[in-house]
Amino acid sequence: MPTYTYQCKSCGHKYDKLQSITAEPDKICPECQGEVERLIGGGAGIVFKGSGFYVTDYKKNSNNNSKNNSNTQNTNNQKAEAKSSA
């Protein structure tokens, strides 16, 4: 459900209200009973819920991968040398 921002035309009171898209917009100010208008907002940003999100959560460790590739290549080279000397 979106949150709409309303502002009173009489007293200038601003408030936010969580409403369904199909709900009728507010027409009366809760402070002074004056007429309110719904303001056009810039939209809500992304809301992250949970203990936290970090850039490194899903980042591949390039140093680890290159080290593993070097070890694999060295092992393959050693096996090839052992076969050729046998």
C-alpha atoms as a PDB file:
ATOM      1  CA  MET A   1       0.000   0.000   0.000  1.00  0.00           C
ATOM      2  CA  PRO A   2       1.327   3.428  -0.890  1.00  0.00           C
ATOM      3  CA  THR A   3       1.760   6.298   1.529  1.00  0.00           C
ATOM      4  CA  TYR A   4       0.140   9.543   0.434  1.00  0.00           C
ATOM      5  CA  THR A   5       1.049  13.018   1.676  1.00  0.00           C
ATOM      6  CA  TYR A   6      -1.723  15.516   2.304  1.00  0.00           C
ATOM      7  CA  GLN A   7      -1.555  19.252   3.015  1.00  0.00           C
ATOM      8  CA  CYS A   8      -4.308  21.446   4.412  1.00  0.00           C
ATOM      9  CA  LYS A   9      -5.180  24.477   2.280  1.00  0.00           C
ATOM     10  CA  SER A  10      -6.273  26.445   5.374  1.00  0.00           C
ATOM     11  CA  CYS A  11      -3.678  25.812   8.099  1.00  0.00           C
ATOM     12  CA  GLY A  12      -0.851  24.225   6.047  1.00  0.00           C
ATOM     13  CA  HIS A  13      -0.760  21.074   8.194  1.00  0.00           C
ATOM     14  CA  LYS A  14       1.043  18.241   6.365  1.00  0.00           C
ATOM     15  CA  TYR A  15       0.567  14.559   7.143  1.00  0.00           C
ATOM     16  CA  ASP A  16       1.153  11.161   5.586  1.00  0.00           C
ATOM     17  CA  LYS A  17      -1.447   8.439   5.344  1.00  0.00           C
ATOM     18  CA  LEU A  18      -1.071   4.796   4.346  1.00  0.00           C
ATOM     19  CA  GLN A  19      -3.949   4.011   1.974  1.00  0.00           C
ATOM     20  CA  SER A  20      -4.801   1.491  -0.702  1.00  0.00           C
ATOM     21  CA  ILE A  21      -4.770   2.755  -4.275  1.00  0.00           C
ATOM     22  CA  THR A  22      -8.543   2.339  -4.573  1.00  0.00           C
ATOM     23  CA  ALA A  23      -9.337   4.209  -1.303  1.00  0.00           C
ATOM     24  CA  GLU A  24     -11.005   7.620  -1.485  1.00  0.00           C
ATOM     25  CA  PRO A  25      -8.523  10.448  -0.820  1.00  0.00           C
ATOM     26  CA  ASP A  26      -8.879  12.444   2.403  1.00  0.00           C
ATOM     27  CA  LYS A  27     -10.860  15.682   2.088  1.00  0.00           C
ATOM     28  CA  ILE A  28     -10.841  17.070   5.633  1.00  0.00           C
ATOM     29  CA  CYS A  29      -7.836  18.179   7.703  1.00  0.00           C
ATOM     30  CA  PRO A  30      -7.557  16.323  11.024  1.00  0.00           C
ATOM     31  CA  GLU A  31      -6.263  19.523  12.714  1.00  0.00           C
ATOM     32  CA  CYS A  32      -8.638  22.293  11.605  1.00  0.00           C
ATOM     33  CA  GLN A  33     -11.326  20.495   9.551  1.00  0.00           C
ATOM     34  CA  GLY A  34     -10.281  22.521   6.502  1.00  0.00           C
ATOM     35  CA  GLU A  35      -9.943  21.213   2.955  1.00  0.00           C
ATOM     36  CA  VAL A  36      -6.853  19.121   2.145  1.00  0.00           C
ATOM     37  CA  GLU A  37      -5.138  18.285  -1.098  1.00  0.00           C
ATOM     38  CA  ARG A  38      -3.083  15.218  -1.879  1.00  0.00           C
ATOM     39  CA  LEU A  39       0.442  16.148  -2.874  1.00  0.00           C
ATOM     40  CA  ILE A  40       2.299  14.470  -5.686  1.00  0.00           C
ATOM     41  CA  GLY A  41       5.298  12.686  -4.212  1.00  0.00           C
ATOM     42  CA  GLY A  42       8.543  11.599  -5.764  1.00  0.00           C
ATOM     43  CA  GLY A  43       7.738   7.992  -4.967  1.00  0.00           C
ATOM     44  CA  ALA A  44       9.180   5.794  -2.310  1.00  0.00           C
ATOM     45  CA  GLY A  45      12.697   4.532  -2.471  1.00  0.00           C
ATOM     46  CA  ILE A  46      13.701   0.957  -1.944  1.00  0.00           C
ATOM     47  CA  VAL A  47      13.045  -0.245   1.580  1.00  0.00           C
ATOM     48  CA  PHE A  48      15.517  -2.850   2.818  1.00  0.00           C
ATOM     49  CA  LYS A  49      14.314  -4.972   5.696  1.00  0.00           C
ATOM     50  CA  GLY A  50      16.543  -7.300   7.640  1.00  0.00           C
ATOM     51  CA  SER A  51      19.802  -7.239   9.511  1.00  0.00           C
ATOM     52  CA  GLY A  52      21.711  -5.507   6.738  1.00  0.00           C
ATOM     53  CA  PHE A  53      22.822  -5.556   3.146  1.00  0.00           C
ATOM     54  CA  TYR A  54      26.392  -5.018   2.133  1.00  0.00           C
ATOM     55  CA  VAL A  55      28.198  -4.605  -1.165  1.00  0.00           C
ATOM     56  CA  THR A  56      30.423  -7.554  -0.292  1.00  0.00           C
ATOM     57  CA  ASP A  57      27.581 -10.004   0.454  1.00  0.00           C
ATOM     58  CA  TYR A  58      27.589 -11.496  -3.039  1.00  0.00           C
ATOM     59  CA  LYS A  59      30.898 -10.254  -4.332  1.00  0.00           C
ATOM     60  CA  LYS A  60      33.210 -12.831  -5.853  1.00  0.00           C
ATOM     61  CA  ASN A  61      36.676 -12.841  -4.413  1.00  0.00           C
ATOM     62  CA  SER A  62      38.916 -12.424  -7.480  1.00  0.00           C
ATOM     63  CA  ASN A  63      42.123 -12.994  -5.455  1.00  0.00           C
ATOM     64  CA  ASN A  64      40.888 -16.383  -4.248  1.00  0.00           C
ATOM     65  CA  ASN A  65      39.863 -17.475  -7.741  1.00  0.00           C
ATOM     66  CA  SER A  66      43.161 -16.478  -9.344  1.00  0.00           C
ATOM     67  CA  LYS A  67      45.112 -18.213  -6.574  1.00  0.00           C
ATOM     68  CA  ASN A  68      43.091 -21.411  -7.059  1.00  0.00           C
ATOM     69  CA  ASN A  69      43.631 -21.247 -10.830  1.00  0.00           C
ATOM     70  CA  SER A  70      47.405 -20.842 -10.325  1.00  0.00           C
ATOM     71  CA  ASN A  71      47.512 -23.853  -8.004  1.00  0.00           C
ATOM     72  CA  THR A  72      45.537 -25.947 -10.491  1.00  0.00           C
ATOM     73  CA  GLN A  73      47.874 -24.961 -13.330  1.00  0.00           C
ATOM     74  CA  ASN A  74      50.959 -25.774 -11.232  1.00  0.00           C
ATOM     75  CA  THR A  75      49.540 -29.199 -10.327  1.00  0.00           C
ATOM     76  CA  ASN A  76      48.751 -29.921 -13.979  1.00  0.00           C
ATOM     77  CA  ASN A  77      52.262 -28.857 -15.034  1.00  0.00           C
ATOM     78  CA  GLN A  78      53.818 -31.095 -12.375  1.00  0.00           C
ATOM     79  CA  LYS A  79      51.736 -34.067 -13.557  1.00  0.00           C
ATOM     80  CA  ALA A  80      52.772 -33.446 -17.156  1.00  0.00           C
ATOM     81  CA  GLU A  81      56.451 -33.252 -16.175  1.00  0.00           C
ATOM     82  CA  ALA A  82      56.175 -36.474 -14.157  1.00  0.00           C
ATOM     83  CA  LYS A  83      54.656 -38.310 -17.134  1.00  0.00           C
ATOM     84  CA  SER A  84      57.305 -37.076 -19.568  1.00  0.00           C
ATOM     85  CA  SER A  85      60.206 -38.086 -17.287  1.00  0.00           C
ATOM     86  CA  ALA A  86      58.769 -41.581 -16.671  1.00  0.00           C
END
